[in-house]
C-alpha atoms as a PDB file:
ATOM      1  CA  MET A   1     101.038 104.103  88.851  1.00  0.00           C
ATOM      2  CA  GLU A   2     102.876 102.831  91.947  1.00  0.00           C
ATOM      3  CA  ILE A   3     103.311  99.342  90.430  1.00  0.00           C
ATOM      4  CA  SER A   4     104.764 100.792  87.214  1.00  0.00           C
ATOM      5  CA  ALA A   5     107.210 102.849  89.236  1.00  0.00           C
ATOM      6  CA  LEU A   6     108.217  99.749  91.224  1.00  0.00           C
ATOM      7  CA  PHE A   7     108.909  97.758  88.034  1.00  0.00           C
ATOM      8  CA  PHE A   8     111.035 100.622  86.724  1.00  0.00           C
ATOM      9  CA  PHE A   9     112.886 100.753  90.050  1.00  0.00           C
ATOM     10  CA  ILE A  10     113.609  96.995  90.018  1.00  0.00           C
ATOM     11  CA  PHE A  11     114.751  97.140  86.378  1.00  0.00           C
ATOM     12  CA  PHE A  12     117.074 100.036  87.181  1.00  0.00           C
ATOM     13  CA  LEU A  13     118.667  98.102  90.057  1.00  0.00           C
ATOM     14  CA  LEU A  14     119.004  94.827  88.169  1.00  0.00           C
ATOM     15  CA  SER A  15     120.315  96.335  84.923  1.00  0.00           C
ATOM     16  CA  PRO A  16     123.991  96.392  86.092  1.00  0.00           C
ATOM     17  CA  ILE A  17     123.714  92.674  86.905  1.00  0.00           C
ATOM     18  CA  SER A  18     122.287  91.993  83.449  1.00  0.00           C
ATOM     19  CA  ILE A  19     125.039  94.005  81.779  1.00  0.00           C
ATOM     20  CA  LYS A  20     127.661  92.130  83.798  1.00  0.00           C
ATOM     21  CA  ALA A  21     126.188  88.802  82.705  1.00  0.00           C
ATOM     22  CA  GLN A  22     126.199  89.882  79.063  1.00  0.00           C
ATOM     23  CA  THR A  23     129.875  90.831  79.231  1.00  0.00           C
ATOM     24  CA  THR A  24     130.897  87.300  80.318  1.00  0.00           C
ATOM     25  CA  PRO A  25     133.099  85.680  77.654  1.00  0.00           C
ATOM     26  CA  THR A  26     131.019  83.622  75.222  1.00  0.00           C
ATOM     27  CA  THR A  27     133.835  81.844  73.362  1.00  0.00           C
ATOM     28  CA  THR A  28     133.979  78.474  75.076  1.00  0.00           C
ATOM     29  CA  THR A  29     135.274  75.000  74.523  1.00  0.00           C
ATOM     30  CA  HIS A  30     134.649  71.676  76.246  1.00  0.00           C
ATOM     31  CA  CYS A  31     136.922  68.703  76.729  1.00  0.00           C
ATOM     32  CA  SER A  32     133.947  66.346  76.882  1.00  0.00           C
ATOM     33  CA  HIS A  33     130.246  66.287  77.653  1.00  0.00           C
ATOM     34  CA  GLY A  34     129.718  67.415  81.240  1.00  0.00           C
ATOM     35  CA  SER A  35     133.213  68.860  81.612  1.00  0.00           C
ATOM     36  CA  PRO A  36     133.604  72.492  82.786  1.00  0.00           C
ATOM     37  CA  PRO A  37     133.458  75.089  79.993  1.00  0.00           C
ATOM     38  CA  ILE A  38     136.773  76.738  79.164  1.00  0.00           C
ATOM     39  CA  HIS A  39     136.302  80.424  78.333  1.00  0.00           C
ATOM     40  CA  LEU A  40     139.070  81.682  76.125  1.00  0.00           C
ATOM     41  CA  PRO A  41     141.687  83.032  76.667  1.00  0.00           C
ATOM     42  CA  PHE A  42     141.859  80.732  79.745  1.00  0.00           C
ATOM     43  CA  THR A  43     144.490  78.448  78.214  1.00  0.00           C
ATOM     44  CA  PHE A  44     146.795  77.661  81.150  1.00  0.00           C
ATOM     45  CA  ASN A  45     148.499  74.522  79.838  1.00  0.00           C
ATOM     46  CA  LEU A  46     145.302  72.470  79.583  1.00  0.00           C
ATOM     47  CA  SER A  47     144.716  69.160  77.858  1.00  0.00           C
ATOM     48  CA  CYS A  48     142.063  66.497  77.422  1.00  0.00           C
ATOM     49  CA  SER A  49     142.760  62.961  78.587  1.00  0.00           C
ATOM     50  CA  SER A  50     140.343  60.104  79.353  1.00  0.00           C
ATOM     51  CA  ASN A  51     137.396  62.492  78.883  1.00  0.00           C
ATOM     52  CA  THR A  52     138.652  64.787  81.631  1.00  0.00           C
ATOM     53  CA  THR A  53     140.030  68.315  81.443  1.00  0.00           C
ATOM     54  CA  ARG A  54     143.475  68.461  83.003  1.00  0.00           C
ATOM     55  CA  ILE A  55     145.927  71.150  83.937  1.00  0.00           C
ATOM     56  CA  HIS A  56     149.660  70.444  84.016  1.00  0.00           C
ATOM     57  CA  PHE A  57     152.287  71.619  86.484  1.00  0.00           C
ATOM     58  CA  LYS A  58     156.015  71.030  86.102  1.00  0.00           C
ATOM     59  CA  SER A  59     156.421  70.250  89.804  1.00  0.00           C
ATOM     60  CA  TYR A  60     153.570  67.741  89.942  1.00  0.00           C
ATOM     61  CA  ASP A  61     151.484  65.407  87.854  1.00  0.00           C
ATOM     62  CA  SER A  62     148.344  66.542  86.075  1.00  0.00           C
ATOM     63  CA  LEU A  63     145.334  67.607  88.112  1.00  0.00           C
ATOM     64  CA  SER A  64     141.773  67.218  86.900  1.00  0.00           C
ATOM     65  CA  ILE A  65     139.653  70.363  86.639  1.00  0.00           C
ATOM     66  CA  LYS A  66     136.421  70.038  88.618  1.00  0.00           C
ATOM     67  CA  SER A  67     135.020  73.512  87.990  1.00  0.00           C
ATOM     68  CA  ILE A  68     136.014  77.051  87.018  1.00  0.00           C
ATOM     69  CA  SER A  69     134.468  80.259  88.362  1.00  0.00           C
ATOM     70  CA  TYR A  70     135.521  83.192  86.178  1.00  0.00           C
ATOM     71  CA  ASP A  71     133.811  85.794  88.359  1.00  0.00           C
ATOM     72  CA  LYS A  72     135.605  84.632  91.515  1.00  0.00           C
ATOM     73  CA  LYS A  73     138.736  83.587  89.602  1.00  0.00           C
ATOM     74  CA  ARG A  74     138.555  80.187  91.238  1.00  0.00           C
ATOM     75  CA  LEU A  75     139.821  76.907  89.842  1.00  0.00           C
ATOM     76  CA  ASP A  76     138.739  73.738  91.695  1.00  0.00           C
ATOM     77  CA  LEU A  77     140.957  70.729  91.048  1.00  0.00           C
ATOM     78  CA  ILE A  78     140.963  67.015  91.857  1.00  0.00           C
ATOM     79  CA  ASP A  79     144.110  65.016  92.505  1.00  0.00           C
ATOM     80  CA  LEU A  80     144.002  62.012  90.188  1.00  0.00           C
ATOM     81  CA  ASN A  81     146.172  60.066  92.642  1.00  0.00           C
ATOM     82  CA  GLY A  82     143.660  60.638  95.449  1.00  0.00           C
ATOM     83  CA  CYS A  83     146.327  62.190  97.666  1.00  0.00           C
ATOM     84  CA  VAL A  84     145.739  65.892  98.301  1.00  0.00           C
ATOM     85  CA  HIS A  85     148.675  66.242 100.659  1.00  0.00           C
ATOM     86  CA  GLY A  86     150.902  64.573  98.124  1.00  0.00           C
ATOM     87  CA  ALA A  87     149.915  67.395  95.786  1.00  0.00           C
ATOM     88  CA  PHE A  88     150.471  70.006  98.525  1.00  0.00           C
ATOM     89  CA  LEU A  89     153.902  68.550  99.221  1.00  0.00           C
ATOM     90  CA  LYS A  90     155.143  68.631  95.627  1.00  0.00           C
ATOM     91  CA  LEU A  91     153.129  71.429  94.014  1.00  0.00           C
ATOM     92  CA  ASN A  92     155.227  74.572  93.530  1.00  0.00           C
ATOM     93  CA  LEU A  93     152.840  77.402  92.671  1.00  0.00           C
ATOM     94  CA  SER A  94     155.596  80.037  92.704  1.00  0.00           C
ATOM     95  CA  LEU A  95     156.436  78.974  89.161  1.00  0.00           C
ATOM     96  CA  THR A  96     152.836  79.414  87.973  1.00  0.00           C
ATOM     97  CA  PRO A  97     150.319  82.281  87.707  1.00  0.00           C
ATOM     98  CA  PHE A  98     148.272  80.568  90.445  1.00  0.00           C
ATOM     99  CA  ARG A  99     148.089  80.599  94.226  1.00  0.00           C
ATOM    100  CA  TYR A 100     145.809  78.856  96.724  1.00  0.00           C
ATOM    101  CA  PHE A 101     142.290  80.271  96.886  1.00  0.00           C
ATOM    102  CA  TYR A 102     142.111  79.823 100.676  1.00  0.00           C
ATOM    103  CA  VAL A 103     144.352  81.417 103.294  1.00  0.00           C
ATOM    104  CA  VAL A 104     147.569  79.446 103.722  1.00  0.00           C
ATOM    105  CA  ARG A 105     149.593  78.832 106.904  1.00  0.00           C
ATOM    106  CA  ASP A 106     153.083  77.575 107.600  1.00  0.00           C
ATOM    107  CA  TYR A 107     153.310  73.783 107.940  1.00  0.00           C
ATOM    108  CA  LYS A 108     156.018  71.156 107.732  1.00  0.00           C
ATOM    109  CA  TYR A 109     155.941  67.521 106.656  1.00  0.00           C
ATOM    110  CA  LEU A 110     157.586  64.975 108.966  1.00  0.00           C
ATOM    111  CA  ASN A 111     158.697  61.447 108.171  1.00  0.00           C
ATOM    112  CA  CYS A 112     158.671  59.460 111.435  1.00  0.00           C
ATOM    113  CA  THR A 113     159.721  55.915 112.279  1.00  0.00           C
ATOM    114  CA  SER A 114     157.034  55.717 114.981  1.00  0.00           C
ATOM    115  CA  LYS A 115     153.553  57.144 115.396  1.00  0.00           C
ATOM    116  CA  LEU A 116     153.177  60.536 117.006  1.00  0.00           C
ATOM    117  CA  LEU A 117     150.833  61.220 119.900  1.00  0.00           C
ATOM    118  CA  THR A 118     148.991  64.002 118.075  1.00  0.00           C
ATOM    119  CA  PRO A 119     145.297  64.576 117.316  1.00  0.00           C
ATOM    120  CA  SER A 120     146.089  64.438 113.621  1.00  0.00           C
ATOM    121  CA  PRO A 121     146.715  60.910 112.286  1.00  0.00           C
ATOM    122  CA  PRO A 122     149.440  60.087 109.751  1.00  0.00           C
ATOM    123  CA  ILE A 123     148.675  60.704 106.079  1.00  0.00           C
ATOM    124  CA  PRO A 124     147.711  57.269 104.678  1.00  0.00           C
ATOM    125  CA  CYS A 125     148.659  57.923 101.060  1.00  0.00           C
ATOM    126  CA  LEU A 126     152.174  59.059 102.060  1.00  0.00           C
ATOM    127  CA  SER A 127     152.837  56.607 104.888  1.00  0.00           C
ATOM    128  CA  ARG A 128     153.906  52.968 104.915  1.00  0.00           C
ATOM    129  CA  PRO A 129     152.715  51.376 108.179  1.00  0.00           C
ATOM    130  CA  ARG A 130     155.436  49.695 110.260  1.00  0.00           C
ATOM    131  CA  ASP A 131     158.092  51.368 108.103  1.00  0.00           C
ATOM    132  CA  TYR A 132     157.407  55.109 108.349  1.00  0.00           C
ATOM    133  CA  TYR A 133     154.591  57.577 109.018  1.00  0.00           C
ATOM    134  CA  VAL A 134     154.223  60.975 107.360  1.00  0.00           C
ATOM    135  CA  TYR A 135     152.616  63.835 109.267  1.00  0.00           C
ATOM    136  CA  VAL A 136     151.907  67.478 108.514  1.00  0.00           C
ATOM    137  CA  VAL A 137     152.142  69.777 111.540  1.00  0.00           C
ATOM    138  CA  ARG A 138     152.404  73.496 112.218  1.00  0.00           C
ATOM    139  CA  GLU A 139     155.888  74.820 111.587  1.00  0.00           C
ATOM    140  CA  MET A 140     156.229  76.090 115.161  1.00  0.00           C
ATOM    141  CA  GLU A 141     155.908  72.578 116.626  1.00  0.00           C
ATOM    142  CA  GLU A 142     159.072  70.845 117.724  1.00  0.00           C
ATOM    143  CA  THR A 143     160.315  67.972 115.574  1.00  0.00           C
ATOM    144  CA  PRO A 144     160.655  64.703 117.584  1.00  0.00           C
ATOM    145  CA  ARG A 145     164.038  62.968 117.520  1.00  0.00           C
ATOM    146  CA  PHE A 146     162.649  59.943 115.643  1.00  0.00           C
ATOM    147  CA  CYS A 147     161.219  62.168 112.887  1.00  0.00           C
ATOM    148  CA  LYS A 148     162.871  63.785 109.911  1.00  0.00           C
ATOM    149  CA  GLU A 149     161.675  67.070 108.497  1.00  0.00           C
ATOM    150  CA  VAL A 150     160.799  66.566 104.838  1.00  0.00           C
ATOM    151  CA  LYS A 151     159.729  70.014 103.732  1.00  0.00           C
ATOM    152  CA  LYS A 152     158.273  73.311 104.929  1.00  0.00           C
ATOM    153  CA  VAL A 153     155.290  74.505 102.933  1.00  0.00           C
ATOM    154  CA  LYS A 154     152.514  77.067 102.933  1.00  0.00           C
ATOM    155  CA  ILE A 155     149.246  75.177 102.521  1.00  0.00           C
ATOM    156  CA  PRO A 156     145.545  75.732 103.411  1.00  0.00           C
ATOM    157  CA  PHE A 157     145.138  73.045 106.102  1.00  0.00           C
ATOM    158  CA  GLU A 158     146.720  70.110 107.873  1.00  0.00           C
ATOM    159  CA  TYR A 159     145.663  66.532 107.254  1.00  0.00           C
ATOM    160  CA  SER A 160     142.226  65.391 108.403  1.00  0.00           C
ATOM    161  CA  PRO A 161     140.559  62.062 107.513  1.00  0.00           C
ATOM    162  CA  TYR A 162     137.267  63.949 107.165  1.00  0.00           C
ATOM    163  CA  LEU A 163     138.695  66.115 104.387  1.00  0.00           C
ATOM    164  CA  ASP A 164     140.610  63.393 102.591  1.00  0.00           C
ATOM    165  CA  ASP A 165     138.408  63.186  99.488  1.00  0.00           C
ATOM    166  CA  GLY A 166     141.003  64.063  96.874  1.00  0.00           C
ATOM    167  CA  SER A 167     139.703  67.555  96.172  1.00  0.00           C
ATOM    168  CA  PHE A 168     139.158  69.716  99.272  1.00  0.00           C
ATOM    169  CA  GLY A 169     141.740  72.459  99.462  1.00  0.00           C
ATOM    170  CA  LEU A 170     142.879  72.124  95.852  1.00  0.00           C
ATOM    171  CA  SER A 171     141.285  75.421  94.894  1.00  0.00           C
ATOM    172  CA  LEU A 172     143.465  77.933  93.101  1.00  0.00           C
ATOM    173  CA  THR A 173     143.055  81.530  92.012  1.00  0.00           C
ATOM    174  CA  TRP A 174     144.927  83.860  89.704  1.00  0.00           C
ATOM    175  CA  GLY A 175     145.409  87.588  89.125  1.00  0.00           C
ATOM    176  CA  PRO A 176     146.643  90.298  91.536  1.00  0.00           C
ATOM    177  CA  ASN A 177     147.142  89.113  95.101  1.00  0.00           C
ATOM    178  CA  ASP A 178     145.274  91.452  97.452  1.00  0.00           C
ATOM    179  CA  ASP A 179     146.595  89.547 100.489  1.00  0.00           C
ATOM    180  CA  GLU A 180     150.246  90.523  99.963  1.00  0.00           C
ATOM    181  CA  GLY A 181     151.565  92.550 102.857  1.00  0.00           C
ATOM    182  CA  ARG A 182     148.843  91.384 105.255  1.00  0.00           C
ATOM    183  CA  THR A 183     149.539  89.320 108.349  1.00  0.00           C
ATOM    184  CA  GLU A 184     147.893  85.932 108.829  1.00  0.00           C
ATOM    185  CA  SER A 185     145.446  87.338 111.412  1.00  0.00           C
ATOM    186  CA  GLN A 186     144.491  90.171 109.069  1.00  0.00           C
ATOM    187  CA  ARG A 187     143.883  87.707 106.257  1.00  0.00           C
ATOM    188  CA  GLY A 188     141.772  85.621 108.597  1.00  0.00           C
ATOM    189  CA  CYS A 189     139.611  88.637 109.423  1.00  0.00           C
ATOM    190  CA  LEU A 190     139.373  89.474 105.741  1.00  0.00           C
ATOM    191  CA  TYR A 191     138.041  86.053 104.832  1.00  0.00           C
ATOM    192  CA  LYS A 192     135.548  86.245 107.685  1.00  0.00           C
ATOM    193  CA  ALA A 193     134.175  89.489 106.264  1.00  0.00           C
ATOM    194  CA  PRO A 194     130.749  89.300 104.608  1.00  0.00           C
ATOM    195  CA  ASN A 195     130.432  88.558 100.920  1.00  0.00           C
ATOM    196  CA  TYR A 196     129.521  91.957  99.490  1.00  0.00           C
ATOM    197  CA  GLU A 197     127.884  90.480  96.407  1.00  0.00           C
ATOM    198  CA  VAL A 198     125.545  88.450  98.613  1.00  0.00           C
ATOM    199  CA  LEU A 199     125.009  91.496 100.818  1.00  0.00           C
ATOM    200  CA  GLY A 200     124.121  93.620  97.793  1.00  0.00           C
ATOM    201  CA  VAL A 201     121.586  91.070  96.553  1.00  0.00           C
ATOM    202  CA  SER A 202     120.125  90.786 100.070  1.00  0.00           C
ATOM    203  CA  LEU A 203     119.711  94.557 100.270  1.00  0.00           C
ATOM    204  CA  LEU A 204     118.103  94.574  96.837  1.00  0.00           C
ATOM    205  CA  VAL A 205     115.625  91.882  97.860  1.00  0.00           C
ATOM    206  CA  ALA A 206     114.899  93.745 101.101  1.00  0.00           C
ATOM    207  CA  MET A 207     114.230  96.977  99.179  1.00  0.00           C
ATOM    208  CA  VAL A 208     111.885  95.179  96.773  1.00  0.00           C
ATOM    209  CA  VAL A 209     110.004  93.540  99.666  1.00  0.00           C
ATOM    210  CA  ILE A 210     109.683  96.865 101.502  1.00  0.00           C
ATOM    211  CA  SER A 211     108.473  98.571  98.295  1.00  0.00           C
ATOM    212  CA  LEU A 212     105.853  95.858  97.780  1.00  0.00           C
ATOM    213  CA  MET A 213     104.711  96.172 101.392  1.00  0.00           C
ATOM    214  CA  VAL A 214     104.356  99.961 100.992  1.00  0.00           C
ATOM    215  CA  ILE A 215     102.357  99.534  97.769  1.00  0.00           C
ATOM    216  CA  ILE A 216     100.127  96.898  99.357  1.00  0.00           C
ATOM    217  CA  LYS A 217      99.551  99.174 102.340  1.00  0.00           C
ATOM    218  CA  ILE A 218      98.677 102.114 100.055  1.00  0.00           C
ATOM    219  CA  CYS A 219      96.296  99.979  97.996  1.00  0.00           C
ATOM    220  CA  HIS A 220      94.718  98.615 101.184  1.00  0.00           C
ATOM    221  CA  SER A 221      94.247 102.134 102.566  1.00  0.00           C
ATOM    222  CA  LYS A 222      92.657 103.313  99.308  1.00  0.00           C
ATOM    223  CA  LYS A 223      90.358 100.287  99.291  1.00  0.00           C
ATOM    224  CA  GLN A 224      89.313 100.907 102.897  1.00  0.00           C
ATOM    225  CA  LYS A 225      88.699 104.566 102.101  1.00  0.00           C
ATOM    226  CA  PHE A 226      86.625 103.616  99.074  1.00  0.00           C
ATOM    227  CA  LEU A 227      84.560 101.103 101.079  1.00  0.00           C
ATOM    228  CA  LYS A 228      84.018 103.677 103.815  1.00  0.00           C
ATOM    229  CA  GLU A 229      82.845 106.278 101.287  1.00  0.00           C
ATOM    230  CA  GLU A 230      80.530 103.725  99.672  1.00  0.00           C
ATOM    231  CA  ALA A 231      79.067 102.816 103.078  1.00  0.00           C
ATOM    232  CA  GLN A 232      78.480 106.496 103.924  1.00  0.00           C
ATOM    233  CA  LYS A 233      76.884 107.018 100.541  1.00  0.00           C
ATOM    234  CA  LYS A 234      74.504 104.108 101.105  1.00  0.00           C
ATOM    235  CA  VAL A 235      73.571 105.451 104.560  1.00  0.00           C
ATOM    236  CA  PHE A 236      72.883 108.866 103.083  1.00  0.00           C
ATOM    237  CA  GLU A 237      70.746 107.400 100.290  1.00  0.00           C
ATOM    238  CA  HIS A 238      68.818 105.268 102.801  1.00  0.00           C
ATOM    239  CA  SER A 239      68.171 108.290 105.025  1.00  0.00           C
ATOM    240  CA  TYR A 240      67.078 110.346 102.041  1.00  0.00           C
ATOM    241  CA  GLU A 241      64.681 107.648 100.906  1.00  0.00           C
ATOM    242  CA  ALA A 242      63.186 107.558 104.414  1.00  0.00           C
ATOM    243  CA  ILE A 243      62.384 111.292 104.528  1.00  0.00           C
ATOM    244  CA  LYS A 244      61.536 111.822 100.837  1.00  0.00           C
ATOM    245  CA  PRO A 245      57.722 112.346 100.239  1.00  0.00           C
ATOM    246  CA  ARG A 246      56.116 109.490  98.398  1.00  0.00           C
ATOM    247  CA  SER A 247      54.264 110.216  95.172  1.00  0.00           C
ATOM    248  CA  ASP A 248      50.967 108.776  96.458  1.00  0.00           C
ATOM    249  CA  GLU A 249      50.860 111.151  99.437  1.00  0.00           C
ATOM    250  CA  VAL A 250      48.388 114.064  99.105  1.00  0.00           C
ATOM    251  CA  SER A 251      49.687 117.485  99.915  1.00  0.00           C
ATOM    252  CA  VAL A 252      47.439 119.526 102.279  1.00  0.00           C
END
């Protein structure tokens, strides 16, 4: 009885997840084998070229689509030129329905005739050694006299050789912007908040585990009670056999 109730309880909790999965768009198309599925009506100026799915922006060259998450409204892109900061520098998302998935901060690009004494090295794909060096620094930093400010931008991060793989940071999202009106520190706290979907699943798993533990404990208690009753019954039968008159005894 308890196990049947547990199964019903688990089904009741998981049914919204199942319904949500069933409501995911099923009309899909692929650019090529292994390419991310495009669920219609997601048709933001896409095309197929060299067996890759690409998205086009007027302010920059085409970017290759690495993956699409429709639940999170996340579009992961790869710069075909292998220069993420070149894409950051030229990409104008204000003319598109997209914005960066991660929190952005105020930066500026500098073109310098000499190297700067900063922890961040020059951007290799934008620099020409011995001629000029391009850096991206926080907007509040002072511009050296031998540097020229190229552009101020709002981007997810400054240059790092450890993140220079042609894809990190090129994640976009679309739809209503819940971050509008928030300060940078507030947005930072927001993105540090727990993922409520993960939290909900964790609570569900915890409830199932606790329910199983309760059922196991109940079954164990019933088994112990049954064994105890059986043991008492055997003791009683043994005692009765000991005092019961045998048939071959003669009554006086």
